Amino acid sequence: MHDIAAIALALFLIAVGASHFLFPGYFRTLVPGWFPWAAPAVAASGVAEILVGAMLVVPGGRAAGGWAAAALITAYLASHVDALRHARRDRPRLLDRPAGVVARLVVNAAYIAWAVTVALTAPGGS
């Protein structure tokens, strides 16, 4: 089961990382307005997700990759908490409304739990 969870997380991160380059405009909307370098942050986080995903593909890198994924996704919580501060019910995008932002936070907490589980169940991960 561990291999399936690790490979699935790897594929997820690689796909999302690649999406940063395919749809950079969308990902720039997730960067808080107070952060001055949205475009470089989107590119850097895309590269980081691809690299972390690659770590998870290699059986010997799964513990470190799981912890790296958990740290990376935890760093994204700043964006979601900032979005919660600015969420309003009248926003056109569901993900910018209070319920949508709360859903984003819950989903990201699940991603963090997934990554921690992969790290802890990898050989040498605990």
Protein backbone atom coordinates (compact mmCIF):
# COMPACT_ATOMS: atom_id res chain seq x y z
CA MET A 1 0.00 0.00 0.00
CA HIS A 2 2.87 2.36 0.76
CA ASP A 3 4.19 2.16 -2.81
CA ILE A 4 0.79 3.02 -4.26
CA ALA A 5 0.37 6.04 -1.95
CA ALA A 6 3.91 7.25 -2.69
CA ILE A 7 3.60 6.86 -6.47
CA ALA A 8 0.15 8.48 -6.48
CA LEU A 9 1.49 11.44 -4.49
CA ALA A 10 4.48 11.65 -6.86
CA LEU A 11 2.25 11.69 -9.93
CA PHE A 12 -0.04 14.26 -8.32
CA LEU A 13 2.86 16.59 -7.48
CA ILE A 14 4.49 16.22 -10.89
CA ALA A 15 1.19 16.93 -12.65
CA VAL A 16 0.43 19.96 -10.47
CA GLY A 17 4.01 21.18 -10.82
CA ALA A 18 3.77 20.96 -14.62
CA SER A 19 0.45 22.80 -14.43
CA HIS A 20 2.28 25.79 -12.95
CA PHE A 21 3.90 26.21 -16.38
CA LEU A 22 0.84 25.32 -18.44
CA PHE A 23 -1.56 27.60 -16.53
CA PRO A 24 0.61 30.20 -14.76
CA GLY A 25 -2.16 32.78 -14.72
CA TYR A 26 -4.33 30.60 -12.51
CA PHE A 27 -1.52 29.87 -10.08
CA ARG A 28 -0.62 33.58 -9.88
CA THR A 29 -4.16 34.20 -8.58
CA LEU A 30 -3.30 31.98 -5.61
CA VAL A 31 -0.26 34.05 -4.61
CA PRO A 32 -1.16 36.61 -1.92
CA GLY A 33 -1.26 40.20 -3.11
CA TRP A 34 1.35 41.25 -0.56
CA PHE A 35 3.93 38.84 -2.05
CA PRO A 36 6.04 40.87 -4.52
CA TRP A 37 7.25 38.10 -6.87
CA ALA A 38 4.19 36.15 -7.97
CA ALA A 39 5.50 34.91 -11.33
CA PRO A 40 8.87 33.68 -10.00
CA ALA A 41 7.09 32.10 -7.02
CA VAL A 42 4.75 30.19 -9.33
CA ALA A 43 7.68 28.94 -11.40
CA ALA A 44 9.79 28.04 -8.35
CA SER A 45 6.94 26.19 -6.66
CA GLY A 46 6.24 24.32 -9.90
CA VAL A 47 9.87 23.21 -10.10
CA ALA A 48 9.82 22.27 -6.41
CA GLU A 49 6.71 20.14 -6.84
CA ILE A 50 8.23 18.32 -9.81
CA LEU A 51 11.49 17.68 -7.92
CA VAL A 52 9.68 16.47 -4.81
CA GLY A 53 7.51 14.24 -6.98
CA ALA A 54 10.65 12.79 -8.55
CA MET A 55 12.04 12.06 -5.07
CA LEU A 56 8.91 10.08 -4.30
CA VAL A 57 9.26 7.94 -7.43
CA VAL A 58 12.60 6.58 -6.19
CA PRO A 59 12.02 4.07 -3.36
CA GLY A 60 15.07 5.29 -1.44
CA GLY A 61 13.85 8.89 -1.62
CA ARG A 62 10.34 8.34 -0.36
CA ALA A 63 10.88 9.25 3.28
CA ALA A 64 12.67 12.49 2.41
CA GLY A 65 10.24 13.14 -0.45
CA GLY A 66 7.25 12.67 1.85
CA TRP A 67 8.66 15.12 4.37
CA ALA A 68 9.57 17.57 1.59
CA ALA A 69 6.04 17.31 0.18
CA ALA A 70 4.54 17.94 3.61
CA ALA A 71 6.76 21.01 4.10
CA LEU A 72 6.01 22.36 0.63
CA ILE A 73 2.25 21.97 1.00
CA THR A 74 2.41 23.45 4.51
CA ALA A 75 4.13 26.52 3.04
CA TYR A 76 1.14 26.95 0.71
CA LEU A 77 -1.15 27.35 3.72
CA ALA A 78 -0.04 31.00 3.97
CA SER A 79 -1.74 31.62 0.63
CA HIS A 80 -4.95 29.91 1.69
CA VAL A 81 -5.10 31.68 5.07
CA ASP A 82 -4.56 35.00 3.28
CA ALA A 83 -7.37 34.07 0.87
CA LEU A 84 -9.62 33.36 3.86
CA ARG A 85 -8.97 36.89 5.15
CA HIS A 86 -10.18 38.29 1.81
CA ALA A 87 -12.96 35.81 1.04
CA ARG A 88 -16.42 37.18 0.38
CA ARG A 89 -19.66 35.49 -0.60
CA ASP A 90 -20.09 37.71 -3.65
CA ARG A 91 -16.83 36.62 -5.32
CA PRO A 92 -17.37 35.14 -8.80
CA ARG A 93 -15.10 32.11 -8.21
CA LEU A 94 -16.30 29.55 -5.69
CA LEU A 95 -12.71 29.05 -4.49
CA ASP A 96 -12.59 32.74 -3.46
CA ARG A 97 -15.74 32.55 -1.33
CA PRO A 98 -15.52 31.62 2.37
CA ALA A 99 -16.77 28.05 1.86
CA GLY A 100 -14.40 27.57 -1.07
CA VAL A 101 -11.40 28.84 0.83
CA VAL A 102 -12.24 26.63 3.81
CA ALA A 103 -12.48 23.71 1.39
CA ARG A 104 -9.03 24.62 0.04
CA LEU A 105 -7.65 24.57 3.58
CA VAL A 106 -9.25 21.21 4.36
CA VAL A 107 -8.00 19.67 1.11
CA ASN A 108 -4.49 20.96 1.75
CA ALA A 109 -4.57 19.51 5.26
CA ALA A 110 -5.46 16.17 3.67
CA TYR A 111 -2.54 16.52 1.25
CA ILE A 112 -0.21 17.20 4.17
CA ALA A 113 -1.55 14.11 5.98
CA TRP A 114 -1.01 12.07 2.81
CA ALA A 115 2.59 13.28 2.52
CA VAL A 116 3.32 12.64 6.22
CA THR A 117 1.83 9.15 5.92
CA VAL A 118 4.08 8.41 2.94
CA ALA A 119 7.11 9.72 4.87
CA LEU A 120 6.32 7.73 8.02
CA THR A 121 5.61 4.46 6.22
CA ALA A 122 8.67 4.63 3.97
CA PRO A 123 11.62 2.48 4.99
CA GLY A 124 13.62 4.67 7.37
CA GLY A 125 10.87 7.27 7.50
CA SER A 126 9.89 7.21 11.15
